[in-house]
Amino acid sequence: MKFYRTMGLSAPRMAPAALYVNNEYFGLYTVVEEIDEAFLTRVFGENTGYLFEYKWTYYYHFEYLGTDLTAYRTLYEPRTHVYESDGALYSPVEAMTRAFTDASDENFVATVSERLDFLTFVRLVAAQAVIAECDGLTGNWGVNNNYLYRFNGRPLHQYLPWDASSSFRALDYPLHAGHDESVLMSRVMKFPEQRAWYYDTLLEGAAVIAQTEGPAEPGQPSPGWLEREAARILDLIRPAAYADKVKPYSNEEFDAAAAEIVTFAQTRAGFVRKEAERFAPGTGQIY
């Protein structure tokens, strides 16, 4: 989530917590900022629009679900304006989704941009690819783990990331995972300017996670931003994790997983750059 925020995306804050119950240590947990009116005020400066939490029900890929608004209520649970009619809540969502499928190629970008913050959507999908998030907007289970916010008095929506527990999936996690299945991303990548947004964001993300700070020790590589963050958090939580007696894994498994995260942090930027630079933005052809 901090990576998303570093990329200029709106994302909740998180912090590790040592939990005590009646003065007895109960283990290492994570405190997560709720996506609610306070969050909306912090990131958007308003909180009177329509907020929905996505509820995974089946494999969904941004396809149009028809005019029956019940289909949208099944996927998008209202978190504000909960007593308003389905028409007030979901007619704009239906119109947005219809545009994903039905807008002509000639008018696709303009039509969808009236309903969706297009640049932010493409940027979030690219950021999730950089961080190897396999359960996000184009993950292994279709659309998942997001909130949807419609701004007050406007038809414009924005997707917000939630539950990034499936990040760092693999060192070589593909940069186009889920694109072919996604009605929206498969269309986005047909347009040269939007393809360029996507690849530019991939390279920007790679630069962020590889960014060094000061000179390295003699003979040692200088750690990048993501490696430094991983080391900082691991140093912070390791004693509490070791002492946690109710965790569903051993200390050895914790150390092995921590080592995988560090390796990912050290190598992912190079993989992203290499793969992104194989593609000529706007053509879809490998060099």
Protein backbone atom coordinates (compact mmCIF):
# COMPACT_ATOMS: atom_id res chain seq x y z
CA MET A 1 0.00 0.00 0.00
CA LYS A 2 2.89 2.36 0.67
CA PHE A 3 4.17 1.59 -2.83
CA TYR A 4 0.80 2.56 -4.27
CA ARG A 5 0.84 5.82 -2.33
CA THR A 6 4.41 6.49 -3.48
CA MET A 7 3.10 6.09 -7.02
CA GLY A 8 0.53 8.82 -6.34
CA LEU A 9 -2.40 6.43 -5.91
CA SER A 10 -4.95 6.65 -3.12
CA ALA A 11 -4.51 3.67 -0.80
CA PRO A 12 -5.14 2.91 2.88
CA ARG A 13 -2.42 3.16 5.49
CA MET A 14 -1.31 0.10 7.43
CA ALA A 15 0.86 -0.57 10.48
CA PRO A 16 2.04 -3.65 12.41
CA ALA A 17 0.65 -4.05 15.91
CA ALA A 18 1.59 -6.21 18.90
CA LEU A 19 -1.76 -7.19 20.38
CA TYR A 20 -2.25 -7.72 24.10
CA VAL A 21 -5.44 -9.11 25.68
CA ASN A 22 -5.69 -8.57 29.45
CA ASN A 23 -1.97 -7.79 29.46
CA GLU A 24 -1.15 -11.12 27.79
CA TYR A 25 0.65 -10.99 24.45
CA PHE A 26 -1.68 -12.36 21.81
CA GLY A 27 0.45 -12.00 18.70
CA LEU A 28 1.45 -9.86 15.74
CA TYR A 29 -1.36 -8.30 13.72
CA THR A 30 -1.84 -5.54 11.18
CA VAL A 31 -3.86 -2.38 11.73
CA VAL A 32 -5.54 -1.33 8.49
CA GLU A 33 -7.09 2.06 7.78
CA GLU A 34 -10.74 1.66 6.88
CA ILE A 35 -11.91 2.97 3.54
CA ASP A 36 -14.75 5.13 4.85
CA GLU A 37 -15.80 8.77 5.05
CA ALA A 38 -12.66 9.74 6.97
CA PHE A 39 -10.47 8.08 4.34
CA LEU A 40 -12.37 9.79 1.52
CA THR A 41 -11.92 13.16 3.18
CA ARG A 42 -8.19 12.53 3.58
CA VAL A 43 -7.53 11.48 0.00
CA PHE A 44 -10.20 13.35 -1.98
CA GLY A 45 -11.22 16.25 0.22
CA GLU A 46 -14.86 15.10 0.07
CA ASN A 47 -16.87 12.23 1.47
CA THR A 48 -20.44 12.70 0.27
CA GLY A 49 -20.19 10.62 -2.89
CA TYR A 50 -21.10 6.96 -3.30
CA LEU A 51 -18.69 4.38 -1.87
CA PHE A 52 -18.95 0.66 -2.65
CA GLU A 53 -16.97 -2.33 -1.40
CA TYR A 54 -16.42 -5.01 -4.02
CA LYS A 55 -17.65 -8.43 -2.91
CA TRP A 56 -16.14 -11.33 -4.82
CA THR A 57 -19.00 -13.59 -5.86
CA TYR A 58 -17.83 -15.17 -9.10
CA TYR A 59 -15.19 -14.65 -11.79
CA TYR A 60 -15.99 -11.21 -13.14
CA HIS A 61 -13.92 -9.34 -15.73
CA PHE A 62 -15.62 -5.93 -16.13
CA GLU A 63 -18.15 -7.31 -18.60
CA TYR A 64 -21.55 -5.65 -18.95
CA LEU A 65 -24.14 -7.33 -16.72
CA GLY A 66 -27.27 -5.96 -18.34
CA THR A 67 -29.95 -3.57 -17.11
CA ASP A 68 -30.99 -5.53 -14.00
CA LEU A 69 -29.39 -3.48 -11.22
CA THR A 70 -29.48 -6.44 -8.84
CA ALA A 71 -26.45 -7.81 -10.66
CA TYR A 72 -24.42 -4.75 -9.67
CA ARG A 73 -25.68 -4.81 -6.08
CA THR A 74 -24.41 -8.40 -5.85
CA LEU A 75 -20.86 -7.25 -6.60
CA TYR A 76 -20.78 -3.73 -5.15
CA GLU A 77 -22.01 -3.39 -1.57
CA PRO A 78 -22.84 0.22 -0.64
CA ARG A 79 -20.87 1.74 2.22
CA THR A 80 -22.48 5.17 2.00
CA HIS A 81 -26.01 6.19 0.94
CA VAL A 82 -27.04 2.69 1.99
CA TYR A 83 -30.75 3.54 2.18
CA GLU A 84 -31.02 5.03 -1.29
CA SER A 85 -32.75 3.21 -4.12
CA ASP A 86 -30.95 0.80 -6.41
CA GLY A 87 -31.51 3.29 -9.18
CA ALA A 88 -29.66 6.06 -7.37
CA LEU A 89 -26.90 3.70 -6.29
CA TYR A 90 -26.32 1.55 -9.32
CA SER A 91 -27.64 3.20 -12.49
CA PRO A 92 -24.33 5.09 -12.91
CA VAL A 93 -22.38 1.85 -12.29
CA GLU A 94 -24.49 0.11 -14.94
CA ALA A 95 -23.84 2.97 -17.37
CA MET A 96 -20.08 2.84 -16.69
CA THR A 97 -19.92 -0.91 -17.22
CA ARG A 98 -22.01 -0.67 -20.40
CA ALA A 99 -19.47 1.81 -21.76
CA PHE A 100 -16.65 -0.67 -21.15
CA THR A 101 -18.32 -3.11 -23.52
CA ASP A 102 -20.45 -1.08 -25.90
CA ALA A 103 -18.50 2.12 -26.60
CA SER A 104 -17.13 2.15 -30.13
CA ASP A 105 -13.39 2.07 -30.64
CA GLU A 106 -13.60 5.58 -32.06
CA ASN A 107 -15.27 6.95 -28.92
CA PHE A 108 -14.05 4.44 -26.32
CA VAL A 109 -11.58 6.63 -24.42
CA ALA A 110 -13.83 9.69 -24.37
CA THR A 111 -16.94 7.71 -23.42
CA VAL A 112 -15.31 5.68 -20.66
CA SER A 113 -13.50 8.76 -19.30
CA GLU A 114 -16.86 10.35 -18.56
CA ARG A 115 -17.59 7.50 -16.15
CA LEU A 116 -14.17 6.30 -14.93
CA ASP A 117 -10.97 8.07 -13.91
CA PHE A 118 -9.23 6.35 -16.80
CA LEU A 119 -5.64 7.41 -16.10
CA THR A 120 -5.86 6.37 -12.46
CA PHE A 121 -7.33 2.99 -13.43
CA VAL A 122 -4.52 2.24 -15.89
CA ARG A 123 -1.97 3.45 -13.36
CA LEU A 124 -3.35 1.19 -10.63
CA VAL A 125 -3.38 -1.88 -12.88
CA ALA A 126 0.23 -1.17 -13.86
CA ALA A 127 1.28 -0.62 -10.23
CA GLN A 128 -0.32 -3.93 -9.28
CA ALA A 129 1.63 -5.61 -12.07
CA VAL A 130 4.90 -4.11 -10.81
CA ILE A 131 4.27 -5.36 -7.28
CA ALA A 132 3.07 -8.76 -8.62
CA GLU A 133 -0.40 -8.48 -7.09
CA CYS A 134 -2.23 -11.58 -8.32
CA ASP A 135 -5.59 -10.79 -6.70
CA GLY A 136 -6.35 -7.23 -7.76
CA LEU A 137 -8.22 -5.68 -10.67
CA THR A 138 -6.85 -8.18 -13.22
CA GLY A 139 -5.80 -11.04 -10.97
CA ASN A 140 -6.17 -14.79 -11.02
CA TRP A 141 -9.74 -14.53 -9.72
CA GLY A 142 -10.88 -11.76 -12.05
CA VAL A 143 -11.79 -8.43 -10.47
CA ASN A 144 -11.23 -8.46 -6.71
CA ASN A 145 -10.04 -6.52 -3.66
CA ASN A 146 -11.16 -3.00 -4.41
CA TYR A 147 -13.51 -0.23 -3.41
CA LEU A 148 -15.31 1.90 -5.97
CA TYR A 149 -16.01 5.57 -5.30
CA ARG A 150 -18.32 7.83 -7.31
CA PHE A 151 -17.60 11.48 -6.72
CA ASN A 152 -20.28 13.74 -5.35
CA GLY A 153 -22.56 15.17 -8.02
CA ARG A 154 -20.63 13.55 -10.86
CA PRO A 155 -20.85 10.27 -12.83
CA LEU A 156 -17.07 9.74 -12.43
CA HIS A 157 -15.85 6.64 -10.57
CA GLN A 158 -12.45 5.66 -9.22
CA TYR A 159 -11.18 2.24 -8.10
CA LEU A 160 -9.27 2.02 -4.82
CA PRO A 161 -7.00 -0.91 -3.85
CA TRP A 162 -7.80 -3.09 -0.86
CA ASP A 163 -6.25 -6.19 0.74
CA ALA A 164 -2.83 -6.47 -0.89
CA SER A 165 -2.00 -9.77 0.83
CA SER A 166 -1.37 -11.46 -2.54
CA SER A 167 1.38 -9.07 -3.62
CA PHE A 168 4.95 -10.26 -4.35
CA ARG A 169 3.42 -13.34 -5.99
CA ALA A 170 6.48 -14.33 -8.03
CA LEU A 171 9.76 -12.81 -9.18
CA ASP A 172 8.67 -13.29 -12.81
CA TYR A 173 4.96 -12.52 -12.40
CA PRO A 174 3.75 -11.48 -15.91
CA LEU A 175 3.16 -7.80 -16.61
CA HIS A 176 0.00 -8.53 -18.61
CA ALA A 177 -1.60 -11.08 -16.30
CA GLY A 178 -5.38 -11.08 -16.73
CA HIS A 179 -5.44 -8.58 -19.58
CA ASP A 180 -6.87 -10.96 -22.15
CA GLU A 181 -9.71 -11.96 -19.83
CA SER A 182 -10.47 -8.39 -18.75
CA VAL A 183 -13.00 -6.68 -21.00
CA LEU A 184 -11.67 -3.30 -19.91
CA MET A 185 -7.90 -3.87 -20.04
CA SER A 186 -8.05 -5.81 -23.29
CA ARG A 187 -9.68 -2.76 -24.87
CA VAL A 188 -7.43 -0.24 -23.12
CA MET A 189 -4.32 -1.85 -24.57
CA LYS A 190 -5.57 -1.37 -28.14
CA PHE A 191 -5.04 2.39 -27.96
CA PRO A 192 -1.51 3.78 -28.40
CA GLU A 193 -1.76 6.59 -25.84
CA GLN A 194 -3.25 4.36 -23.15
CA ARG A 195 -0.73 1.60 -23.87
CA ALA A 196 1.98 4.22 -23.43
CA TRP A 197 0.47 5.19 -20.05
CA TYR A 198 0.65 1.56 -19.00
CA TYR A 199 4.25 0.94 -20.05
CA ASP A 200 5.42 4.31 -18.75
CA THR A 201 3.87 3.46 -15.37
CA LEU A 202 5.55 0.05 -15.33
CA LEU A 203 8.91 1.69 -15.87
CA GLU A 204 8.14 4.38 -13.31
CA GLY A 205 7.22 1.70 -10.78
CA ALA A 206 10.43 -0.17 -11.48
CA ALA A 207 12.38 3.06 -10.91
CA VAL A 208 10.58 3.63 -7.60
CA ILE A 209 11.31 0.20 -6.14
CA ALA A 210 14.93 0.32 -7.34
CA GLN A 211 15.66 3.89 -6.21
CA THR A 212 18.80 4.01 -4.07
CA GLU A 213 19.60 6.34 -1.22
CA GLY A 214 23.16 7.49 -0.71
CA PRO A 215 26.38 5.64 -1.51
CA ALA A 216 26.63 1.91 -0.90
CA GLU A 217 29.14 0.22 1.33
CA PRO A 218 32.38 -0.58 -0.54
CA GLY A 219 31.88 -3.71 -2.58
CA GLN A 220 28.17 -3.90 -1.75
CA PRO A 221 25.20 -3.07 -4.00
CA SER A 222 23.13 -0.11 -2.85
CA PRO A 223 19.68 -1.34 -1.76
CA GLY A 224 16.66 0.07 -3.55
CA TRP A 225 13.59 1.63 -1.96
CA LEU A 226 11.60 -1.60 -1.74
CA GLU A 227 14.50 -3.54 -0.26
CA ARG A 228 15.05 -0.82 2.34
CA GLU A 229 11.35 -0.82 3.22
CA ALA A 230 11.32 -4.61 3.49
CA ALA A 231 14.38 -4.58 5.75
CA ARG A 232 12.93 -1.80 7.91
CA ILE A 233 9.62 -3.58 8.44
CA LEU A 234 11.24 -6.96 9.01
CA ASP A 235 13.55 -5.49 11.65
CA LEU A 236 10.52 -3.91 13.29
CA ILE A 237 8.28 -6.98 13.37
CA ARG A 238 10.73 -9.85 13.73
CA PRO A 239 10.84 -9.94 17.57
CA ALA A 240 7.05 -9.77 17.79
CA ALA A 241 6.69 -12.44 15.11
CA TYR A 242 9.11 -14.78 16.84
CA ALA A 243 7.29 -14.31 20.15
CA ASP A 244 3.84 -14.89 18.61
CA LYS A 245 2.68 -18.30 19.93
CA VAL A 246 -0.58 -18.44 17.98
CA LYS A 247 0.73 -17.72 14.49
CA PRO A 248 -0.07 -20.44 11.93
CA TYR A 249 3.57 -20.96 10.90
CA SER A 250 6.99 -21.54 12.43
CA ASN A 251 9.77 -19.02 12.94
CA GLU A 252 11.73 -20.86 10.25
CA GLU A 253 8.86 -20.40 7.81
CA PHE A 254 8.71 -16.73 8.75
CA ASP A 255 12.42 -16.33 7.98
CA ALA A 256 12.07 -18.18 4.67
CA ALA A 257 9.16 -15.98 3.60
CA ALA A 258 11.06 -12.86 4.68
CA ALA A 259 14.01 -13.92 2.55
CA GLU A 260 11.69 -14.34 -0.44
CA ILE A 261 10.40 -10.80 0.02
CA VAL A 262 13.94 -9.40 0.12
CA THR A 263 14.87 -11.34 -3.01
CA PHE A 264 11.77 -10.01 -4.76
CA ALA A 265 12.71 -6.48 -3.73
CA GLN A 266 16.21 -6.93 -5.11
CA THR A 267 15.24 -8.40 -8.48
CA ARG A 268 11.74 -7.32 -9.47
CA ALA A 269 12.69 -3.92 -10.92
CA GLY A 270 15.13 -5.51 -13.34
CA PHE A 271 12.52 -8.00 -14.51
CA VAL A 272 9.88 -5.29 -14.98
CA ARG A 273 12.27 -3.09 -16.99
CA LYS A 274 13.38 -5.96 -19.19
CA GLU A 275 9.85 -7.14 -19.91
CA ALA A 276 8.37 -3.67 -20.40
CA GLU A 277 11.12 -2.70 -22.80
CA ARG A 278 10.45 -5.79 -24.92
CA PHE A 279 7.21 -4.23 -26.06
CA ALA A 280 6.91 -1.25 -28.37
CA PRO A 281 4.20 0.94 -26.80
CA GLY A 282 1.27 1.37 -29.15
CA THR A 283 1.98 -1.61 -31.38
CA GLY A 284 1.82 -4.64 -29.12
CA GLN A 285 4.72 -6.15 -31.06
CA ILE A 286 7.85 -7.55 -29.44
CA TYR A 287 11.03 -5.89 -30.63
